[in-house]
Amino acid sequence: LREGTTLTRVIAQVGGARDAKEEKLRIYRKKPNQPQEVITVNY
């Protein structure tokens, strides 16, 4: 992770999405001493 790295840049670095459901991408975010947060984004 570089400073200011965004979602679209990361997906581009792995070659892009392939036959994916782009309207419901999920980001699983781990927070200290808290339950894992699930964020749904419309890619």
PDB file of all heavy atoms in Angstrom:
ATOM      1  N   LEU A   1       0.830  -1.193   0.000  1.00  0.00           N
ATOM      2  CA  LEU A   1       0.000   0.000   0.000  1.00  0.00           C
ATOM      3  C   LEU A   1       0.867   1.247   0.000  1.00  0.00           C
ATOM      4  O   LEU A   1       1.674   1.458   0.908  1.00  0.00           O
ATOM      5  CB  LEU A   1      -0.913  -0.002   1.228  1.00  0.00           C
ATOM      6  CG  LEU A   1      -1.978   1.089   1.279  1.00  0.00           C
ATOM      7  CD1 LEU A   1      -2.971   0.919   0.140  1.00  0.00           C
ATOM      8  CD2 LEU A   1      -2.700   1.063   2.622  1.00  0.00           C
ATOM      9  N   ARG A   2       0.717   2.081  -1.007  1.00  0.00           N
ATOM     10  CA  ARG A   2       1.369   3.373  -1.050  1.00  0.00           C
ATOM     11  C   ARG A   2       0.432   4.429  -0.477  1.00  0.00           C
ATOM     12  O   ARG A   2      -0.761   4.201  -0.322  1.00  0.00           O
ATOM     13  CB  ARG A   2       1.745   3.752  -2.491  1.00  0.00           C
ATOM     14  CG  ARG A   2       2.608   2.741  -3.203  1.00  0.00           C
ATOM     15  CD  ARG A   2       4.018   2.694  -2.649  1.00  0.00           C
ATOM     16  NE  ARG A   2       4.879   1.846  -3.458  1.00  0.00           N
ATOM     17  CZ  ARG A   2       5.065   0.547  -3.246  1.00  0.00           C
ATOM     18  NH1 ARG A   2       4.430  -0.050  -2.255  1.00  0.00           N
ATOM     19  NH2 ARG A   2       5.873  -0.144  -4.016  1.00  0.00           N
ATOM     20  N   GLU A   3       0.982   5.564  -0.188  1.00  0.00           N
ATOM     21  CA  GLU A   3       0.170   6.641   0.365  1.00  0.00           C
ATOM     22  C   GLU A   3      -0.843   7.109  -0.670  1.00  0.00           C
ATOM     23  O   GLU A   3      -0.498   7.457  -1.798  1.00  0.00           O
ATOM     24  CB  GLU A   3       1.076   7.801   0.787  1.00  0.00           C
ATOM     25  CG  GLU A   3       0.336   8.936   1.453  1.00  0.00           C
ATOM     26  CD  GLU A   3       1.271  10.041   1.907  1.00  0.00           C
ATOM     27  OE1 GLU A   3       2.499   9.896   1.717  1.00  0.00           O
ATOM     28  OE2 GLU A   3       0.779  11.049   2.429  1.00  0.00           O
ATOM     29  N   GLY A   4      -2.129   7.100  -0.289  1.00  0.00           N
ATOM     30  CA  GLY A   4      -3.180   7.567  -1.185  1.00  0.00           C
ATOM     31  C   GLY A   4      -3.595   6.558  -2.246  1.00  0.00           C
ATOM     32  O   GLY A   4      -4.238   6.934  -3.232  1.00  0.00           O
ATOM     33  N   THR A   5      -3.256   5.279  -2.072  1.00  0.00           N
ATOM     34  CA  THR A   5      -3.636   4.260  -3.057  1.00  0.00           C
ATOM     35  C   THR A   5      -5.141   4.038  -3.027  1.00  0.00           C
ATOM     36  O   THR A   5      -5.749   3.859  -1.967  1.00  0.00           O
ATOM     37  CB  THR A   5      -2.917   2.937  -2.761  1.00  0.00           C
ATOM     38  OG1 THR A   5      -1.508   3.156  -2.807  1.00  0.00           O
ATOM     39  CG2 THR A   5      -3.287   1.886  -3.785  1.00  0.00           C
ATOM     40  N   THR A   6      -5.754   4.031  -4.212  1.00  0.00           N
ATOM     41  CA  THR A   6      -7.206   3.901  -4.327  1.00  0.00           C
ATOM     42  C   THR A   6      -7.590   2.516  -4.833  1.00  0.00           C
ATOM     43  O   THR A   6      -6.751   1.733  -5.286  1.00  0.00           O
ATOM     44  CB  THR A   6      -7.766   4.968  -5.272  1.00  0.00           C
ATOM     45  OG1 THR A   6      -7.178   4.805  -6.570  1.00  0.00           O
ATOM     46  CG2 THR A   6      -7.456   6.371  -4.748  1.00  0.00           C
ATOM     47  N   LEU A   7      -8.893   2.243  -4.787  1.00  0.00           N
ATOM     48  CA  LEU A   7      -9.411   0.944  -5.195  1.00  0.00           C
ATOM     49  C   LEU A   7      -9.160   0.669  -6.673  1.00  0.00           C
ATOM     50  O   LEU A   7      -8.724  -0.427  -7.050  1.00  0.00           O
ATOM     51  CB  LEU A   7     -10.908   0.883  -4.885  1.00  0.00           C
ATOM     52  CG  LEU A   7     -11.644  -0.375  -5.346  1.00  0.00           C
ATOM     53  CD1 LEU A   7     -11.131  -1.600  -4.620  1.00  0.00           C
ATOM     54  CD2 LEU A   7     -13.153  -0.222  -5.166  1.00  0.00           C
ATOM     55  N   THR A   8      -9.452   1.632  -7.543  1.00  0.00           N
ATOM     56  CA  THR A   8      -9.287   1.400  -8.979  1.00  0.00           C
ATOM     57  C   THR A   8      -7.831   1.116  -9.342  1.00  0.00           C
ATOM     58  O   THR A   8      -7.554   0.308 -10.229  1.00  0.00           O
ATOM     59  CB  THR A   8      -9.790   2.620  -9.775  1.00  0.00           C
ATOM     60  OG1 THR A   8      -9.111   3.795  -9.295  1.00  0.00           O
ATOM     61  CG2 THR A   8     -11.288   2.801  -9.583  1.00  0.00           C
ATOM     62  N   ARG A   9      -6.895   1.768  -8.660  1.00  0.00           N
ATOM     63  CA  ARG A   9      -5.482   1.525  -8.957  1.00  0.00           C
ATOM     64  C   ARG A   9      -5.080   0.109  -8.571  1.00  0.00           C
ATOM     65  O   ARG A   9      -4.347  -0.560  -9.314  1.00  0.00           O
ATOM     66  CB  ARG A   9      -4.612   2.535  -8.229  1.00  0.00           C
ATOM     67  CG  ARG A   9      -3.129   2.272  -8.372  1.00  0.00           C
ATOM     68  CD  ARG A   9      -2.288   3.404  -7.842  1.00  0.00           C
ATOM     69  NE  ARG A   9      -2.431   4.602  -8.655  1.00  0.00           N
ATOM     70  CZ  ARG A   9      -1.699   5.700  -8.504  1.00  0.00           C
ATOM     71  NH1 ARG A   9      -0.784   5.765  -7.566  1.00  0.00           N
ATOM     72  NH2 ARG A   9      -1.892   6.737  -9.294  1.00  0.00           N
ATOM     73  N   VAL A  10      -5.556  -0.364  -7.440  1.00  0.00           N
ATOM     74  CA  VAL A  10      -5.200  -1.707  -6.996  1.00  0.00           C
ATOM     75  C   VAL A  10      -5.754  -2.758  -7.943  1.00  0.00           C
ATOM     76  O   VAL A  10      -5.065  -3.714  -8.314  1.00  0.00           O
ATOM     77  CB  VAL A  10      -5.705  -1.930  -5.549  1.00  0.00           C
ATOM     78  CG1 VAL A  10      -5.675  -3.405  -5.192  1.00  0.00           C
ATOM     79  CG2 VAL A  10      -4.850  -1.142  -4.568  1.00  0.00           C
ATOM     80  N   ILE A  11      -6.999  -2.599  -8.355  1.00  0.00           N
ATOM     81  CA  ILE A  11      -7.587  -3.577  -9.275  1.00  0.00           C
ATOM     82  C   ILE A  11      -6.878  -3.542 -10.621  1.00  0.00           C
ATOM     83  O   ILE A  11      -6.683  -4.583 -11.269  1.00  0.00           O
ATOM     84  CB  ILE A  11      -9.098  -3.308  -9.427  1.00  0.00           C
ATOM     85  CG1 ILE A  11      -9.807  -3.573  -8.087  1.00  0.00           C
ATOM     86  CG2 ILE A  11      -9.704  -4.173 -10.526  1.00  0.00           C
ATOM     87  CD1 ILE A  11     -11.295  -3.319  -8.123  1.00  0.00           C
ATOM     88  N   ALA A  12      -6.455  -2.375 -11.055  1.00  0.00           N
ATOM     89  CA  ALA A  12      -5.698  -2.293 -12.307  1.00  0.00           C
ATOM     90  C   ALA A  12      -4.357  -3.008 -12.186  1.00  0.00           C
ATOM     91  O   ALA A  12      -3.885  -3.618 -13.157  1.00  0.00           O
ATOM     92  CB  ALA A  12      -5.503  -0.834 -12.702  1.00  0.00           C
ATOM     93  N   GLN A  13      -3.733  -2.960 -11.006  1.00  0.00           N
ATOM     94  CA  GLN A  13      -2.434  -3.605 -10.829  1.00  0.00           C
ATOM     95  C   GLN A  13      -2.524  -5.122 -10.896  1.00  0.00           C
ATOM     96  O   GLN A  13      -1.535  -5.779 -11.220  1.00  0.00           O
ATOM     97  CB  GLN A  13      -1.817  -3.175  -9.495  1.00  0.00           C
ATOM     98  CG  GLN A  13      -1.281  -1.758  -9.499  1.00  0.00           C
ATOM     99  CD  GLN A  13      -0.653  -1.391  -8.166  1.00  0.00           C
ATOM    100  OE1 GLN A  13      -1.315  -1.378  -7.131  1.00  0.00           O
ATOM    101  NE2 GLN A  13       0.630  -1.095  -8.183  1.00  0.00           N
ATOM    102  N   VAL A  14      -3.674  -5.685 -10.602  1.00  0.00           N
ATOM    103  CA  VAL A  14      -3.825  -7.148 -10.681  1.00  0.00           C
ATOM    104  C   VAL A  14      -4.465  -7.577 -11.993  1.00  0.00           C
ATOM    105  O   VAL A  14      -4.908  -8.725 -12.134  1.00  0.00           O
ATOM    106  CB  VAL A  14      -4.650  -7.677  -9.489  1.00  0.00           C
ATOM    107  CG1 VAL A  14      -3.912  -7.440  -8.197  1.00  0.00           C
ATOM    108  CG2 VAL A  14      -6.042  -7.048  -9.452  1.00  0.00           C
ATOM    109  N   GLY A  15      -4.535  -6.680 -12.963  1.00  0.00           N
ATOM    110  CA  GLY A  15      -5.009  -7.051 -14.298  1.00  0.00           C
ATOM    111  C   GLY A  15      -6.457  -6.731 -14.576  1.00  0.00           C
ATOM    112  O   GLY A  15      -6.956  -7.039 -15.661  1.00  0.00           O
ATOM    113  N   GLY A  16      -7.172  -6.150 -13.598  1.00  0.00           N
ATOM    114  CA  GLY A  16      -8.568  -5.787 -13.811  1.00  0.00           C
ATOM    115  C   GLY A  16      -9.523  -6.916 -13.477  1.00  0.00           C
ATOM    116  O   GLY A  16      -9.139  -8.080 -13.293  1.00  0.00           O
ATOM    117  N   ALA A  17     -10.806  -6.543 -13.379  1.00  0.00           N
ATOM    118  CA  ALA A  17     -11.853  -7.516 -13.064  1.00  0.00           C
ATOM    119  C   ALA A  17     -12.187  -8.361 -14.289  1.00  0.00           C
ATOM    120  O   ALA A  17     -12.103  -7.900 -15.426  1.00  0.00           O
ATOM    121  CB  ALA A  17     -13.099  -6.787 -12.560  1.00  0.00           C
ATOM    122  N   ARG A  18     -12.570  -9.629 -14.030  1.00  0.00           N
ATOM    123  CA  ARG A  18     -12.886 -10.580 -15.095  1.00  0.00           C
ATOM    124  C   ARG A  18     -14.255 -11.206 -14.811  1.00  0.00           C
ATOM    125  O   ARG A  18     -14.405 -11.959 -13.852  1.00  0.00           O
ATOM    126  CB  ARG A  18     -11.814 -11.673 -15.197  1.00  0.00           C
ATOM    127  CG  ARG A  18     -10.438 -11.177 -15.618  1.00  0.00           C
ATOM    128  CD  ARG A  18     -10.441 -10.762 -17.082  1.00  0.00           C
ATOM    129  NE  ARG A  18      -9.103 -10.420 -17.542  1.00  0.00           N
ATOM    130  CZ  ARG A  18      -8.577  -9.205 -17.478  1.00  0.00           C
ATOM    131  NH1 ARG A  18      -9.295  -8.226 -16.956  1.00  0.00           N
ATOM    132  NH2 ARG A  18      -7.376  -8.953 -17.923  1.00  0.00           N
ATOM    133  N   ASP A  19     -15.253 -10.851 -15.670  1.00  0.00           N
ATOM    134  CA  ASP A  19     -16.593 -11.427 -15.529  1.00  0.00           C
ATOM    135  C   ASP A  19     -17.069 -11.331 -14.081  1.00  0.00           C
ATOM    136  O   ASP A  19     -17.486 -12.322 -13.464  1.00  0.00           O
ATOM    137  CB  ASP A  19     -16.584 -12.893 -16.002  1.00  0.00           C
ATOM    138  CG  ASP A  19     -17.998 -13.460 -16.124  1.00  0.00           C
ATOM    139  OD1 ASP A  19     -18.949 -12.645 -16.254  1.00  0.00           O
ATOM    140  OD2 ASP A  19     -18.155 -14.689 -16.037  1.00  0.00           O
ATOM    141  N   ALA A  20     -16.964 -10.120 -13.531  1.00  0.00           N
ATOM    142  CA  ALA A  20     -17.256  -9.924 -12.116  1.00  0.00           C
ATOM    143  C   ALA A  20     -18.532  -9.118 -11.945  1.00  0.00           C
ATOM    144  O   ALA A  20     -19.016  -8.446 -12.858  1.00  0.00           O
ATOM    145  CB  ALA A  20     -16.102  -9.210 -11.439  1.00  0.00           C
ATOM    146  N   LYS A  21     -19.075  -9.197 -10.751  1.00  0.00           N
ATOM    147  CA  LYS A  21     -20.239  -8.412 -10.380  1.00  0.00           C
ATOM    148  C   LYS A  21     -19.728  -7.089  -9.817  1.00  0.00           C
ATOM    149  O   LYS A  21     -19.536  -6.928  -8.613  1.00  0.00           O
ATOM    150  CB  LYS A  21     -21.060  -9.177  -9.356  1.00  0.00           C
ATOM    151  CG  LYS A  21     -22.452  -8.617  -9.149  1.00  0.00           C
ATOM    152  CD  LYS A  21     -23.254  -9.546  -8.256  1.00  0.00           C
ATOM    153  CE  LYS A  21     -24.688  -9.025  -8.121  1.00  0.00           C
ATOM    154  NZ  LYS A  21     -25.504  -9.928  -7.264  1.00  0.00           N
ATOM    155  N   GLU A  22     -19.479  -6.135 -10.715  1.00  0.00           N
ATOM    156  CA  GLU A  22     -18.772  -4.917 -10.349  1.00  0.00           C
ATOM    157  C   GLU A  22     -19.606  -3.997  -9.472  1.00  0.00           C
ATOM    158  O   GLU A  22     -19.057  -3.095  -8.832  1.00  0.00           O
ATOM    159  CB  GLU A  22     -18.324  -4.167 -11.608  1.00  0.00           C
ATOM    160  CG  GLU A  22     -17.328  -4.948 -12.450  1.00  0.00           C
ATOM    161  CD  GLU A  22     -16.824  -4.136 -13.630  1.00  0.00           C
ATOM    162  OE1 GLU A  22     -17.406  -3.058 -13.890  1.00  0.00           O
ATOM    163  OE2 GLU A  22     -15.862  -4.568 -14.286  1.00  0.00           O
ATOM    164  N   GLU A  23     -20.940  -4.208  -9.434  1.00  0.00           N
ATOM    165  CA  GLU A  23     -21.775  -3.314  -8.619  1.00  0.00           C
ATOM    166  C   GLU A  23     -21.652  -3.616  -7.130  1.00  0.00           C
ATOM    167  O   GLU A  23     -22.077  -2.813  -6.295  1.00  0.00           O
ATOM    168  CB  GLU A  23     -23.245  -3.413  -9.044  1.00  0.00           C
ATOM    169  CG  GLU A  23     -23.549  -2.893 -10.439  1.00  0.00           C
ATOM    170  CD  GLU A  23     -23.243  -3.934 -11.511  1.00  0.00           C
ATOM    171  OE1 GLU A  23     -22.797  -5.049 -11.123  1.00  0.00           O
ATOM    172  OE2 GLU A  23     -23.421  -3.648 -12.695  1.00  0.00           O
ATOM    173  N   LYS A  24     -21.105  -4.771  -6.772  1.00  0.00           N
ATOM    174  CA  LYS A  24     -21.066  -5.157  -5.362  1.00  0.00           C
ATOM    175  C   LYS A  24     -19.680  -5.684  -4.972  1.00  0.00           C
ATOM    176  O   LYS A  24     -19.552  -6.817  -4.513  1.00  0.00           O
ATOM    177  CB  LYS A  24     -22.137  -6.196  -5.076  1.00  0.00           C
ATOM    178  CG  LYS A  24     -23.553  -5.651  -5.144  1.00  0.00           C
ATOM    179  CD  LYS A  24     -24.563  -6.668  -4.666  1.00  0.00           C
ATOM    180  CE  LYS A  24     -25.979  -6.087  -4.667  1.00  0.00           C
ATOM    181  NZ  LYS A  24     -26.974  -7.058  -4.171  1.00  0.00           N
ATOM    182  N   LEU A  25     -18.672  -4.868  -5.191  1.00  0.00           N
ATOM    183  CA  LEU A  25     -17.352  -5.219  -4.658  1.00  0.00           C
ATOM    184  C   LEU A  25     -17.368  -5.014  -3.150  1.00  0.00           C
ATOM    185  O   LEU A  25     -18.033  -4.105  -2.632  1.00  0.00           O
ATOM    186  CB  LEU A  25     -16.265  -4.346  -5.289  1.00  0.00           C
ATOM    187  CG  LEU A  25     -15.553  -4.940  -6.516  1.00  0.00           C
ATOM    188  CD1 LEU A  25     -16.511  -5.057  -7.677  1.00  0.00           C
ATOM    189  CD2 LEU A  25     -14.353  -4.086  -6.882  1.00  0.00           C
ATOM    190  N   ARG A  26     -16.613  -5.850  -2.449  1.00  0.00           N
ATOM    191  CA  ARG A  26     -16.578  -5.765  -0.994  1.00  0.00           C
ATOM    192  C   ARG A  26     -15.151  -5.488  -0.512  1.00  0.00           C
ATOM    193  O   ARG A  26     -14.190  -6.052  -1.043  1.00  0.00           O
ATOM    194  CB  ARG A  26     -17.098  -7.049  -0.358  1.00  0.00           C
ATOM    195  CG  ARG A  26     -18.541  -7.382  -0.694  1.00  0.00           C
ATOM    196  CD  ARG A  26     -18.990  -8.643   0.016  1.00  0.00           C
ATOM    197  NE  ARG A  26     -20.354  -8.996  -0.331  1.00  0.00           N
ATOM    198  CZ  ARG A  26     -20.681  -9.799  -1.331  1.00  0.00           C
ATOM    199  NH1 ARG A  26     -19.726 -10.334  -2.079  1.00  0.00           N
ATOM    200  NH2 ARG A  26     -21.949 -10.077  -1.586  1.00  0.00           N
ATOM    201  N   ILE A  27     -15.091  -4.620   0.461  1.00  0.00           N
ATOM    202  CA  ILE A  27     -13.814  -4.340   1.125  1.00  0.00           C
ATOM    203  C   ILE A  27     -13.955  -4.784   2.581  1.00  0.00           C
ATOM    204  O   ILE A  27     -14.792  -4.248   3.317  1.00  0.00           O
ATOM    205  CB  ILE A  27     -13.454  -2.843   1.056  1.00  0.00           C
ATOM    206  CG1 ILE A  27     -13.330  -2.387  -0.400  1.00  0.00           C
ATOM    207  CG2 ILE A  27     -12.149  -2.564   1.804  1.00  0.00           C
ATOM    208  CD1 ILE A  27     -13.080  -0.888  -0.543  1.00  0.00           C
ATOM    209  N   TYR A  28     -13.143  -5.762   2.974  1.00  0.00           N
ATOM    210  CA  TYR A  28     -13.131  -6.243   4.354  1.00  0.00           C
ATOM    211  C   TYR A  28     -12.026  -5.489   5.094  1.00  0.00           C
ATOM    212  O   TYR A  28     -10.845  -5.639   4.781  1.00  0.00           O
ATOM    213  CB  TYR A  28     -12.880  -7.749   4.396  1.00  0.00           C
ATOM    214  CG  TYR A  28     -13.957  -8.560   3.702  1.00  0.00           C
ATOM    215  CD1 TYR A  28     -13.888  -8.822   2.341  1.00  0.00           C
ATOM    216  CD2 TYR A  28     -15.039  -9.062   4.414  1.00  0.00           C
ATOM    217  CE1 TYR A  28     -14.880  -9.551   1.699  1.00  0.00           C
ATOM    218  CE2 TYR A  28     -16.036  -9.805   3.789  1.00  0.00           C
ATOM    219  CZ  TYR A  28     -15.953 -10.041   2.432  1.00  0.00           C
ATOM    220  OH  TYR A  28     -16.939 -10.767   1.792  1.00  0.00           O
ATOM    221  N   ARG A  29     -12.450  -4.680   6.062  1.00  0.00           N
ATOM    222  CA  ARG A  29     -11.507  -3.796   6.760  1.00  0.00           C
ATOM    223  C   ARG A  29     -11.424  -4.205   8.234  1.00  0.00           C
ATOM    224  O   ARG A  29     -12.416  -4.280   8.932  1.00  0.00           O
ATOM    225  CB  ARG A  29     -11.946  -2.349   6.632  1.00  0.00           C
ATOM    226  CG  ARG A  29     -11.040  -1.334   7.310  1.00  0.00           C
ATOM    227  CD  ARG A  29     -11.301   0.041   6.746  1.00  0.00           C
ATOM    228  NE  ARG A  29     -10.926   0.108   5.331  1.00  0.00           N
ATOM    229  CZ  ARG A  29     -11.254   1.123   4.529  1.00  0.00           C
ATOM    230  NH1 ARG A  29     -11.974   2.127   4.995  1.00  0.00           N
ATOM    231  NH2 ARG A  29     -10.863   1.113   3.256  1.00  0.00           N
ATOM    232  N   LYS A  30     -10.176  -4.438   8.650  1.00  0.00           N
ATOM    233  CA  LYS A  30      -9.945  -4.858  10.028  1.00  0.00           C
ATOM    234  C   LYS A  30      -9.573  -3.647  10.869  1.00  0.00           C
ATOM    235  O   LYS A  30      -8.680  -2.879  10.523  1.00  0.00           O
ATOM    236  CB  LYS A  30      -8.807  -5.886  10.067  1.00  0.00           C
ATOM    237  CG  LYS A  30      -8.630  -6.564  11.408  1.00  0.00           C
ATOM    238  CD  LYS A  30      -7.590  -7.662  11.308  1.00  0.00           C
ATOM    239  CE  LYS A  30      -7.448  -8.380  12.640  1.00  0.00           C
ATOM    240  NZ  LYS A  30      -6.430  -9.469  12.559  1.00  0.00           N
ATOM    241  N   LYS A  31     -10.269  -3.480  12.003  1.00  0.00           N
ATOM    242  CA  LYS A  31     -10.016  -2.368  12.902  1.00  0.00           C
ATOM    243  C   LYS A  31      -9.576  -2.891  14.264  1.00  0.00           C
ATOM    244  O   LYS A  31     -10.043  -3.948  14.697  1.00  0.00           O
ATOM    245  CB  LYS A  31     -11.263  -1.490  13.051  1.00  0.00           C
ATOM    246  CG  LYS A  31     -11.672  -0.775  11.770  1.00  0.00           C
ATOM    247  CD  LYS A  31     -12.838   0.164  12.024  1.00  0.00           C
ATOM    248  CE  LYS A  31     -13.194   0.952  10.774  1.00  0.00           C
ATOM    249  NZ  LYS A  31     -14.314   1.894  11.012  1.00  0.00           N
ATOM    250  N   PRO A  32      -8.683  -2.176  14.944  1.00  0.00           N
ATOM    251  CA  PRO A  32      -8.213  -2.647  16.255  1.00  0.00           C
ATOM    252  C   PRO A  32      -9.353  -2.723  17.269  1.00  0.00           C
ATOM    253  O   PRO A  32     -10.132  -1.785  17.428  1.00  0.00           O
ATOM    254  CB  PRO A  32      -7.178  -1.585  16.665  1.00  0.00           C
ATOM    255  CG  PRO A  32      -6.791  -0.902  15.402  1.00  0.00           C
ATOM    256  CD  PRO A  32      -8.008  -0.946  14.528  1.00  0.00           C
ATOM    257  N   ASN A  33      -9.434  -3.884  17.920  1.00  0.00           N
ATOM    258  CA  ASN A  33     -10.403  -4.111  19.001  1.00  0.00           C
ATOM    259  C   ASN A  33     -11.845  -3.907  18.557  1.00  0.00           C
ATOM    260  O   ASN A  33     -12.716  -3.554  19.358  1.00  0.00           O
ATOM    261  CB  ASN A  33     -10.106  -3.181  20.188  1.00  0.00           C
ATOM    262  CG  ASN A  33      -8.698  -3.364  20.726  1.00  0.00           C
ATOM    263  OD1 ASN A  33      -8.181  -4.491  20.774  1.00  0.00           O
ATOM    264  ND2 ASN A  33      -8.061  -2.262  21.126  1.00  0.00           N
ATOM    265  N   GLN A  34     -12.103  -4.107  17.266  1.00  0.00           N
ATOM    266  CA  GLN A  34     -13.459  -3.961  16.750  1.00  0.00           C
ATOM    267  C   GLN A  34     -13.734  -5.083  15.758  1.00  0.00           C
ATOM    268  O   GLN A  34     -12.805  -5.660  15.170  1.00  0.00           O
ATOM    269  CB  GLN A  34     -13.646  -2.604  16.053  1.00  0.00           C
ATOM    270  CG  GLN A  34     -13.564  -1.400  16.974  1.00  0.00           C
ATOM    271  CD  GLN A  34     -13.815  -0.097  16.242  1.00  0.00           C
ATOM    272  OE1 GLN A  34     -14.297  -0.101  15.107  1.00  0.00           O
ATOM    273  NE2 GLN A  34     -13.504   1.014  16.892  1.00  0.00           N
ATOM    274  N   PRO A  35     -15.015  -5.412  15.560  1.00  0.00           N
ATOM    275  CA  PRO A  35     -15.349  -6.435  14.558  1.00  0.00           C
ATOM    276  C   PRO A  35     -14.945  -5.974  13.150  1.00  0.00           C
ATOM    277  O   PRO A  35     -14.848  -4.783  12.866  1.00  0.00           O
ATOM    278  CB  PRO A  35     -16.869  -6.584  14.685  1.00  0.00           C
ATOM    279  CG  PRO A  35     -17.205  -6.013  16.021  1.00  0.00           C
ATOM    280  CD  PRO A  35     -16.191  -4.944  16.290  1.00  0.00           C
ATOM    281  N   GLN A  36     -14.707  -6.924  12.287  1.00  0.00           N
ATOM    282  CA  GLN A  36     -14.328  -6.603  10.904  1.00  0.00           C
ATOM    283  C   GLN A  36     -15.466  -5.870  10.209  1.00  0.00           C
ATOM    284  O   GLN A  36     -16.626  -6.275  10.279  1.00  0.00           O
ATOM    285  CB  GLN A  36     -13.972  -7.888  10.167  1.00  0.00           C
ATOM    286  CG  GLN A  36     -13.582  -7.675   8.715  1.00  0.00           C
ATOM    287  CD  GLN A  36     -13.120  -8.952   8.054  1.00  0.00           C
ATOM    288  OE1 GLN A  36     -11.940  -9.198   7.905  1.00  0.00           O
ATOM    289  NE2 GLN A  36     -14.072  -9.793   7.665  1.00  0.00           N
ATOM    290  N   GLU A  37     -15.117  -4.811   9.510  1.00  0.00           N
ATOM    291  CA  GLU A  37     -16.101  -4.009   8.797  1.00  0.00           C
ATOM    292  C   GLU A  37     -16.153  -4.444   7.339  1.00  0.00           C
ATOM    293  O   GLU A  37     -15.121  -4.665   6.702  1.00  0.00           O
ATOM    294  CB  GLU A  37     -15.736  -2.521   8.887  1.00  0.00           C
ATOM    295  CG  GLU A  37     -16.710  -1.598   8.186  1.00  0.00           C
ATOM    296  CD  GLU A  37     -16.279  -0.145   8.241  1.00  0.00           C
ATOM    297  OE1 GLU A  37     -15.170   0.118   8.762  1.00  0.00           O
ATOM    298  OE2 GLU A  37     -17.029   0.731   7.748  1.00  0.00           O
ATOM    299  N   VAL A  38     -17.363  -4.582   6.807  1.00  0.00           N
ATOM    300  CA  VAL A  38     -17.560  -4.952   5.408  1.00  0.00           C
ATOM    301  C   VAL A  38     -18.165  -3.752   4.685  1.00  0.00           C
ATOM    302  O   VAL A  38     -19.256  -3.284   5.029  1.00  0.00           O
ATOM    303  CB  VAL A  38     -18.469  -6.182   5.271  1.00  0.00           C
ATOM    304  CG1 VAL A  38     -18.641  -6.543   3.792  1.00  0.00           C
ATOM    305  CG2 VAL A  38     -17.905  -7.359   6.046  1.00  0.00           C
ATOM    306  N   ILE A  39     -17.447  -3.254   3.682  1.00  0.00           N
ATOM    307  CA  ILE A  39     -17.880  -2.082   2.924  1.00  0.00           C
ATOM    308  C   ILE A  39     -18.203  -2.525   1.498  1.00  0.00           C
ATOM    309  O   ILE A  39     -17.350  -3.112   0.811  1.00  0.00           O
ATOM    310  CB  ILE A  39     -16.782  -0.997   2.905  1.00  0.00           C
ATOM    311  CG1 ILE A  39     -16.372  -0.632   4.335  1.00  0.00           C
ATOM    312  CG2 ILE A  39     -17.251   0.233   2.148  1.00  0.00           C
ATOM    313  CD1 ILE A  39     -15.157   0.280   4.397  1.00  0.00           C
ATOM    314  N   THR A  40     -19.417  -2.245   1.049  1.00  0.00           N
ATOM    315  CA  THR A  40     -19.833  -2.586  -0.313  1.00  0.00           C
ATOM    316  C   THR A  40     -19.719  -1.346  -1.185  1.00  0.00           C
ATOM    317  O   THR A  40     -20.241  -0.267  -0.828  1.00  0.00           O
ATOM    318  CB  THR A  40     -21.267  -3.119  -0.332  1.00  0.00           C
ATOM    319  OG1 THR A  40     -21.362  -4.267   0.522  1.00  0.00           O
ATOM    320  CG2 THR A  40     -21.669  -3.527  -1.743  1.00  0.00           C
ATOM    321  N   VAL A  41     -19.048  -1.476  -2.329  1.00  0.00           N
ATOM    322  CA  VAL A  41     -18.846  -0.337  -3.232  1.00  0.00           C
ATOM    323  C   VAL A  41     -19.301  -0.729  -4.632  1.00  0.00           C
ATOM    324  O   VAL A  41     -19.282  -1.908  -5.011  1.00  0.00           O
ATOM    325  CB  VAL A  41     -17.362   0.104  -3.262  1.00  0.00           C
ATOM    326  CG1 VAL A  41     -16.924   0.605  -1.915  1.00  0.00           C
ATOM    327  CG2 VAL A  41     -16.470  -1.046  -3.725  1.00  0.00           C
ATOM    328  N   ASN A  42     -19.719   0.272  -5.386  1.00  0.00           N
ATOM    329  CA  ASN A  42     -20.137   0.084  -6.770  1.00  0.00           C
ATOM    330  C   ASN A  42     -18.937   0.435  -7.666  1.00  0.00           C
ATOM    331  O   ASN A  42     -18.719   1.602  -7.994  1.00  0.00           O
ATOM    332  CB  ASN A  42     -21.343   0.964  -7.087  1.00  0.00           C
ATOM    333  CG  ASN A  42     -21.952   0.639  -8.440  1.00  0.00           C
ATOM    334  OD1 ASN A  42     -21.297   0.063  -9.317  1.00  0.00           O
ATOM    335  ND2 ASN A  42     -23.214   1.026  -8.633  1.00  0.00           N
ATOM    336  N   TYR A  43     -18.188  -0.603  -8.039  1.00  0.00           N
ATOM    337  CA  TYR A  43     -16.970  -0.378  -8.818  1.00  0.00           C
ATOM    338  C   TYR A  43     -17.295   0.177 -10.208  1.00  0.00           C
ATOM    339  O   TYR A  43     -16.554   1.003 -10.750  1.00  0.00           O
ATOM    340  CB  TYR A  43     -16.202  -1.690  -8.933  1.00  0.00           C
ATOM    341  CG  TYR A  43     -14.917  -1.598  -9.713  1.00  0.00           C
ATOM    342  CD1 TYR A  43     -13.910  -0.716  -9.343  1.00  0.00           C
ATOM    343  CD2 TYR A  43     -14.704  -2.392 -10.835  1.00  0.00           C
ATOM    344  CE1 TYR A  43     -12.728  -0.623 -10.058  1.00  0.00           C
ATOM    345  CE2 TYR A  43     -13.529  -2.317 -11.555  1.00  0.00           C
ATOM    346  CZ  TYR A  43     -12.537  -1.427 -11.170  1.00  0.00           C
ATOM    347  OH  TYR A  43     -11.380  -1.344 -11.886  1.00  0.00           O
TER     348      TYR A  43
END
